[in-house]
Protein backbone atom coordinates (compact mmCIF):
# COMPACT_ATOMS: atom_id res chain seq x y z
CA MET A 1 85.68 93.11 77.05
CA THR A 2 82.40 93.94 76.91
CA SER A 3 78.80 93.00 76.40
CA PRO A 4 77.30 95.25 73.99
CA GLY A 5 75.86 96.58 76.47
CA GLY A 6 78.15 97.87 77.95
CA ILE A 7 78.49 95.23 81.05
CA PRO A 8 81.40 93.49 81.27
CA GLN A 9 81.05 90.35 80.77
CA TRP A 10 84.24 89.30 83.01
CA GLN A 11 86.58 90.52 85.84
CA SER A 12 90.49 90.02 86.32
CA VAL A 13 91.01 87.36 88.97
CA THR A 14 93.91 85.99 90.22
CA LEU A 15 94.80 82.64 91.23
CA THR A 16 96.64 83.59 94.27
CA GLY A 17 94.07 86.08 95.33
CA LEU A 18 91.47 83.51 94.76
CA ARG A 19 92.45 82.32 98.40
CA GLU A 20 91.37 86.00 99.86
CA PRO A 21 88.27 87.11 99.79
CA PHE A 22 86.93 83.40 99.36
CA GLY A 23 89.45 81.42 101.73
CA VAL A 24 90.62 83.79 103.74
CA GLY A 25 91.74 80.96 107.24
CA LEU A 26 91.73 78.34 105.25
CA VAL A 27 95.47 77.67 103.29
CA SER A 28 98.51 78.03 104.88
CA ALA A 29 101.23 79.42 102.45
CA HIS A 30 101.82 75.80 103.27
CA GLY A 31 99.03 74.66 101.93
CA GLN A 32 97.60 73.06 104.86
CA ALA A 33 93.95 73.71 106.26
CA VAL A 34 94.22 76.95 109.42
CA GLU A 35 92.38 78.93 110.72
CA ALA A 36 93.38 83.14 110.37
CA GLN A 37 95.38 84.45 113.19
CA ARG A 38 94.57 87.58 114.74
CA PHE A 39 96.70 89.47 117.14
CA THR A 40 96.06 89.74 121.18
CA PRO A 41 96.25 93.75 122.76
CA GLN A 42 98.55 92.37 124.59
CA GLU A 43 100.59 90.79 121.92
CA ILE A 44 100.67 93.81 120.23
CA ALA A 45 101.50 95.98 123.02
CA ARG A 46 104.49 94.16 123.63
CA VAL A 47 105.72 94.64 120.57
CA LEU A 48 105.14 98.21 119.39
CA GLY A 49 106.93 98.27 123.27
CA PHE A 50 110.27 97.59 121.06
CA TYR A 51 109.74 100.68 118.14
CA ASP A 52 110.04 104.35 118.76
CA LEU A 53 106.26 105.60 117.60
CA GLY A 54 105.02 108.45 120.25
CA GLN A 55 101.45 107.91 120.81
CA VAL A 56 99.36 105.09 119.33
CA ARG A 57 95.94 105.92 118.38
CA SER A 58 94.61 102.30 116.71
CA ALA A 59 95.73 99.55 116.17
CA ARG A 60 92.98 97.42 113.86
CA GLN A 61 93.65 93.57 112.19
CA LEU A 62 94.17 93.05 108.76
CA LEU A 63 92.95 90.11 107.39
CA ARG A 64 94.30 89.41 103.77
CA GLY A 65 97.13 87.36 102.35
CA THR A 66 98.00 84.24 104.68
CA PRO A 67 96.66 83.32 107.11
CA ASP A 68 98.62 82.82 109.46
CA ALA A 69 100.95 85.73 109.71
CA PRO A 70 98.53 87.90 111.16
CA LYS A 71 98.61 91.86 110.51
CA ALA A 72 97.71 94.39 112.38
CA VAL A 73 97.78 98.37 110.70
CA ILE A 74 99.02 100.98 113.85
CA GLU A 75 97.98 104.12 113.43
CA SER A 76 100.38 106.90 115.71
CA ASP A 77 101.41 110.58 115.70
CA ARG A 78 104.78 109.37 113.66
CA GLY A 79 102.64 107.84 110.79
CA LYS A 80 101.05 104.59 109.94
CA PHE A 81 102.47 101.40 109.76
CA LEU A 82 102.02 97.53 109.11
CA LEU A 83 103.01 94.88 111.62
CA LYS A 84 102.98 91.79 110.71
CA ARG A 85 104.20 89.06 112.51
CA ARG A 86 105.45 85.86 110.18
CA ALA A 87 104.33 83.03 109.50
CA PRO A 88 105.90 79.72 110.34
CA GLY A 89 108.03 78.04 107.85
CA HIS A 90 108.07 81.38 107.01
CA ASP A 91 110.28 83.22 110.53
CA ASP A 92 113.72 81.29 109.58
CA PRO A 93 115.59 84.46 110.50
CA LEU A 94 118.42 83.70 108.47
CA ALA A 95 115.78 83.76 105.12
CA VAL A 96 114.06 87.29 106.75
CA ALA A 97 117.49 88.85 106.91
CA ALA A 98 118.01 87.60 103.16
CA GLY A 99 114.54 89.18 101.99
CA HIS A 100 114.92 92.72 104.19
CA THR A 101 118.26 92.83 101.92
CA ALA A 102 116.90 92.23 99.08
CA LEU A 103 114.27 95.09 100.19
CA LEU A 104 116.87 97.69 101.19
CA HIS A 105 118.49 96.88 97.98
CA VAL A 106 115.86 97.71 95.75
CA ILE A 107 114.95 100.68 97.99
CA GLU A 108 117.99 102.46 98.15
CA ARG A 109 117.95 102.02 94.20
CA GLY A 110 114.06 104.29 94.18
CA PHE A 111 111.84 101.19 94.00
CA PRO A 112 108.51 101.31 95.27
CA ALA A 113 108.07 99.74 98.19
CA PRO A 114 107.36 99.67 102.15
CA GLY A 115 110.02 101.17 104.06
CA LEU A 116 111.09 98.38 106.52
CA ILE A 117 110.99 100.45 110.67
CA GLY A 118 113.36 99.07 113.35
CA THR A 119 113.49 98.59 116.24
CA ARG A 120 114.06 100.95 118.80
CA GLU A 121 117.83 100.48 120.54
CA ASP A 122 119.60 98.63 117.72
CA ASN A 123 117.41 99.71 114.98
CA ASN A 124 116.81 96.11 113.94
CA SER A 125 115.13 95.13 110.57
CA MET A 126 112.58 91.87 112.54
CA LEU A 127 111.82 91.25 116.11
CA GLN A 128 112.79 88.00 117.55
CA ILE A 129 110.47 87.35 120.60
CA GLY A 130 110.89 83.76 121.53
CA ARG A 131 109.74 81.50 118.24
CA GLN A 132 107.96 84.57 116.52
CA VAL A 133 109.33 87.38 114.47
CA TYR A 134 107.86 90.52 113.63
CA GLU A 135 107.97 93.03 111.12
CA LEU A 136 107.07 96.95 110.80
CA PHE A 137 106.48 98.39 107.55
CA GLU A 138 105.97 101.78 106.37
CA PHE A 139 102.04 101.66 105.42
CA ILE A 140 101.17 103.29 102.01
CA GLU A 141 98.02 103.59 100.89
CA GLY A 142 96.38 101.57 97.47
CA ALA A 143 94.21 98.90 96.66
CA PRO A 144 95.19 95.86 94.91
CA SER A 145 95.58 95.72 90.46
CA ASP A 146 92.05 97.05 88.75
CA GLY A 147 93.10 94.39 86.35
CA SER A 148 92.69 96.72 83.96
CA VAL A 149 95.35 96.82 80.49
CA GLU A 150 97.10 99.50 81.77
CA GLN A 151 98.06 98.52 85.09
CA CYS A 152 98.91 94.92 83.61
CA ARG A 153 101.62 96.51 81.52
CA GLN A 154 102.77 98.71 84.48
CA ALA A 155 102.78 95.10 87.13
CA GLY A 156 105.52 94.27 83.66
CA GLU A 157 107.61 96.95 83.59
CA ALA A 158 107.70 96.71 87.45
CA LEU A 159 109.08 93.23 87.57
CA ALA A 160 111.67 94.41 84.40
CA ALA A 161 112.71 97.36 86.93
CA LEU A 162 113.04 94.80 90.35
CA HIS A 163 114.65 92.40 88.20
CA GLY A 164 117.66 93.90 87.42
CA MET A 165 117.89 95.33 90.23
CA LEU A 166 118.54 92.47 92.66
CA ALA A 167 120.66 91.27 89.69
CA THR A 168 123.31 92.99 91.79
CA CYS A 169 121.71 91.72 94.66
CA HIS A 170 124.19 89.23 97.03
CA PRO A 171 122.75 88.67 100.27
CA ARG A 172 124.47 87.83 103.19
CA PHE A 173 122.31 85.54 103.84
CA GLU A 174 121.70 82.96 100.99
CA ALA A 175 117.79 82.98 99.75
CA PRO A 176 115.93 79.70 98.66
CA VAL A 177 117.15 78.38 95.46
CA GLY A 178 114.14 76.86 93.60
CA SER A 179 110.31 77.57 92.30
CA TYR A 180 107.61 75.77 91.04
CA HIS A 181 109.04 74.54 87.83
CA ALA A 182 110.19 70.41 88.56
CA SER A 183 109.54 71.22 92.63
CA PRO A 184 109.06 66.95 94.06
CA ALA A 185 107.20 69.64 96.58
CA ILE A 186 104.11 70.23 93.83
CA GLU A 187 105.01 66.31 91.73
CA ALA A 188 104.48 64.72 95.95
CA ARG A 189 101.06 66.97 96.23
CA LEU A 190 100.19 65.31 93.19
CA GLU A 191 100.90 61.98 94.04
CA ARG A 192 98.80 62.35 97.19
CA LEU A 193 95.58 63.20 94.76
CA CYS A 194 96.28 60.39 92.86
CA ARG A 195 95.84 58.09 96.50
CA ARG A 196 92.93 59.66 97.36
CA GLU A 197 90.08 57.43 97.82
CA GLY A 198 88.35 56.99 94.25
CA ARG A 199 89.27 56.37 91.06
CA ALA A 200 88.08 59.46 90.00
CA TRP A 201 90.60 61.18 91.84
CA ALA A 202 93.18 59.05 91.02
CA ARG A 203 93.34 59.35 87.14
CA LEU A 204 91.91 62.88 87.86
CA GLY A 205 95.79 63.37 89.48
CA GLU A 206 97.68 61.01 87.37
CA ALA A 207 96.49 62.87 84.23
CA LEU A 208 97.56 66.20 85.44
CA LEU A 209 101.01 64.20 87.05
CA GLU A 210 101.65 63.70 83.49
CA GLN A 211 101.34 67.60 82.54
CA TYR A 212 103.21 68.57 84.88
CA ARG A 213 106.04 66.72 83.77
CA ARG A 214 105.23 67.16 80.07
CA ALA A 215 105.66 70.98 80.93
CA ALA A 216 108.32 70.67 83.57
CA ASP A 217 110.81 68.52 80.56
CA GLU A 218 109.33 71.20 77.98
CA ALA A 219 111.08 73.81 79.69
CA GLU A 220 114.34 71.87 80.11
CA HIS A 221 114.31 71.02 76.72
CA HIS A 222 114.54 74.66 75.79
CA GLY A 223 117.91 74.90 78.38
CA PHE A 224 116.27 75.70 81.50
CA ALA A 225 119.63 74.06 83.14
CA GLY A 226 121.24 76.63 81.40
CA LEU A 227 119.66 79.74 82.60
CA SER A 228 121.72 82.12 84.64
CA ARG A 229 120.30 82.24 88.67
CA GLN A 230 119.61 85.24 90.26
CA LEU A 231 117.20 86.59 93.55
CA THR A 232 113.51 87.07 92.17
CA HIS A 233 110.69 87.96 94.12
CA ALA A 234 108.83 84.47 93.61
CA ASP A 235 105.87 85.76 94.66
CA TRP A 236 104.10 88.39 91.91
CA HIS A 237 100.88 89.04 91.74
CA PRO A 238 98.48 91.43 91.54
CA GLY A 239 97.45 91.19 95.21
CA ASN A 240 100.83 92.36 95.83
CA LEU A 241 100.96 95.18 93.67
CA LEU A 242 99.19 98.06 94.77
CA PHE A 243 97.88 101.16 92.96
CA ARG A 244 96.38 104.83 93.70
CA ASP A 245 95.12 106.57 91.24
CA GLY A 246 95.58 103.93 88.59
CA LYS A 247 99.59 104.38 88.80
CA LEU A 248 101.49 101.59 90.70
CA VAL A 249 102.53 102.47 94.34
CA ALA A 250 104.13 100.44 95.80
CA VAL A 251 105.30 96.72 95.64
CA VAL A 252 104.50 94.07 98.75
CA ASP A 253 105.17 91.21 100.50
CA PHE A 254 109.33 90.62 99.76
CA GLU A 255 108.56 87.57 102.62
CA SER A 256 110.03 84.81 100.33
CA PRO A 257 112.57 85.72 97.39
CA ARG A 258 114.27 82.48 96.10
CA ILE A 259 117.01 81.93 93.96
CA ALA A 260 116.21 81.10 90.16
CA PRO A 261 116.01 81.72 86.43
CA ARG A 262 114.32 85.48 85.73
CA ILE A 263 111.66 83.96 83.67
CA VAL A 264 110.23 82.41 86.41
CA ASP A 265 109.38 85.30 87.47
CA ALA A 266 108.41 86.59 83.76
CA ALA A 267 106.26 82.91 83.55
CA SER A 268 103.53 83.19 86.50
CA GLY A 269 103.42 86.97 86.94
CA ALA A 270 102.20 86.92 83.18
CA LEU A 271 99.59 83.98 84.31
CA GLN A 272 98.23 85.67 87.36
CA PHE A 273 97.87 89.19 85.95
CA ALA A 274 96.24 87.32 82.41
CA LEU A 275 93.16 85.15 84.74
CA VAL A 276 89.76 86.73 83.91
CA ILE A 277 86.70 84.54 85.35
CA VAL A 278 84.14 84.41 82.33
CA ALA A 279 80.85 85.24 83.44
CA GLY A 280 79.71 82.06 85.31
CA GLY A 281 82.64 80.12 84.69
CA MET A 282 86.01 78.79 86.03
CA PRO A 283 89.26 81.16 85.45
CA THR A 284 90.43 81.53 82.25
CA VAL A 285 93.66 82.87 80.29
CA ASP A 286 93.08 86.19 78.60
CA ALA A 287 95.04 86.56 75.56
CA ARG A 288 95.37 90.58 75.71
CA HIS A 289 96.70 90.78 79.40
CA ALA A 290 99.30 87.92 78.68
CA GLU A 291 101.23 90.24 75.72
CA VAL A 292 100.66 93.63 77.22
CA PHE A 293 102.08 92.26 80.73
CA LEU A 294 105.36 90.46 79.13
CA GLU A 295 104.93 93.82 76.45
CA GLY A 296 105.70 96.13 79.92
CA TYR A 297 108.10 93.22 81.04
CA ARG A 298 110.34 94.04 77.57
CA SER A 299 110.17 97.11 77.32
CA ASP A 300 112.59 97.79 80.13
CA PRO A 301 116.26 96.94 78.93
CA ARG A 302 116.33 94.86 82.49
CA GLY A 303 113.78 92.97 81.88
CA GLY A 304 114.71 91.63 77.87
CA ILE A 305 113.21 87.84 77.02
CA LEU A 306 115.88 86.06 75.22
CA PRO A 307 114.58 83.63 73.01
CA MET A 308 115.09 80.27 74.26
CA GLU A 309 113.27 81.83 77.73
CA GLY A 310 110.28 83.13 75.39
CA ARG A 311 109.91 79.31 74.14
CA MET A 312 109.67 78.35 77.73
CA LEU A 313 106.83 80.74 78.74
CA GLY A 314 104.07 78.09 77.82
CA PRO A 315 105.49 75.72 79.73
CA LEU A 316 106.19 77.21 82.80
CA THR A 317 103.03 78.86 82.66
CA VAL A 318 101.16 75.37 83.32
CA GLU A 319 103.54 74.09 85.61
CA ALA A 320 102.82 76.94 87.59
CA LEU A 321 99.07 76.61 87.40
CA ILE A 322 98.65 72.98 88.26
CA GLY A 323 101.54 74.31 90.67
CA GLU A 324 99.31 76.80 92.56
CA ALA A 325 95.91 75.00 92.34
CA VAL A 326 96.66 71.96 93.24
CA LEU A 327 97.55 73.71 96.74
CA PRO A 328 94.45 74.74 98.62
CA ILE A 329 92.60 71.85 97.05
CA GLU A 330 95.31 69.23 98.65
CA ALA A 331 94.44 70.79 102.00
CA THR A 332 90.57 72.02 102.35
CA GLY A 333 89.17 70.25 99.32
CA ARG A 334 88.43 73.27 97.27
CA PHE A 335 89.95 76.35 95.44
CA GLY A 336 88.62 79.18 96.45
CA PRO A 337 84.35 78.84 95.84
CA TRP A 338 84.68 75.71 93.51
CA GLU A 339 85.06 72.03 94.94
CA GLY A 340 88.36 70.81 94.43
CA ARG A 341 88.11 67.78 91.17
CA ALA A 342 85.81 69.93 89.46
CA PHE A 343 88.81 72.60 89.53
CA LEU A 344 91.08 70.18 88.70
CA GLU A 345 89.30 69.11 86.04
CA HIS A 346 88.94 72.60 84.40
CA VAL A 347 92.49 72.99 84.39
CA LEU A 348 93.17 70.02 83.06
CA THR A 349 90.49 71.24 80.14
CA VAL A 350 92.76 74.84 80.40
CA ILE A 351 96.47 73.92 79.64
CA PRO A 352 96.55 73.78 76.00
CA GLU A 353 95.02 77.27 76.10
CA VAL A 354 97.64 78.30 78.85
CA HIS A 355 100.59 76.44 77.05
CA ARG A 356 99.55 78.24 73.52
CA VAL A 357 98.18 82.13 74.87
CA MET A 358 101.41 82.33 76.57
CA LEU A 359 103.78 81.28 73.58
CA GLU A 360 101.59 83.52 70.99
CA ALA A 361 102.37 86.78 73.76
CA ALA A 362 106.36 85.39 73.73
CA GLY A 363 106.22 86.06 69.76
CA VAL A 364 106.45 82.01 69.36
CA GLN A 365 104.13 79.43 67.98
CA ALA A 366 103.66 75.90 69.71
CA VAL A 367 100.96 73.45 70.06
CA TRP A 368 100.79 71.16 73.40
CA ARG A 369 100.07 67.45 72.56
């Protein structure tokens, strides 16, 4: 979308990604206010001692993603690698093992993802030192999605391919079950908003909670409970897809795969890839991007959307939108550059549009009442 003078009127944005340029060091994966964590040189040296990387030439901190999961780019005479320490709450070895099983499963089938580097002596995919869990990955050069329609289509296609591969993956250690749909954790956050000081917060929390429950009920009405479950990525957004020369080269962050209906991934992915910021405003949803993402998803036979799933896209994206918005606001009082209450008021006003756009992108006509 451009002005007559050719100047872009909006920029692509993701709810998850907004935490990075504006909020590094503010919100953990569990919605707690935290400071950004960094490796010490001694910690890096100790961890790398368990790997066979040859001569290490450099190690630089990478401030990106969850702030309580420090990362460093390692360069050695055997290549370039990404070192990561798991964030608290995401460091259960059994859950890590389930994620690694999923990652190795799709890599073996040709899916573009960074390879895991095993430890020198035992070839373990994770390293445990005390209570800390570390991972070392192949480093893949690339940039997050630029928001173009073509990359949006590729994102939908890649998600379909991933779902097809994960449908046959059954980790020995079971992955967590559930999603943002009808989530007790999200409802609890909204209820805490209702109890904040001031009647304005209470009214806002109550309104969002009502909309969240209404959306969940609508998804259930269309048969959510009867959908089959499988492993899903559970964090499909532009920051986790790397592109080079306009082409998708890798999908990263298999940290939190969950057992859920695949439409949960498709709905939240469509929302994340369809969000834009109109000049001077707050995020809204772009119909063309939503359509293209879902076209890409449906173009692969492994990612077809059943009619009953299509009718769930509207309410599921409403649930995802509310869940993403309330997480950092509960912790810090802000969402990226915006004051929290103003942002949630905005979310409340765009819910009908998000619902409509997503259903129409799926070929379903409906009205949010």
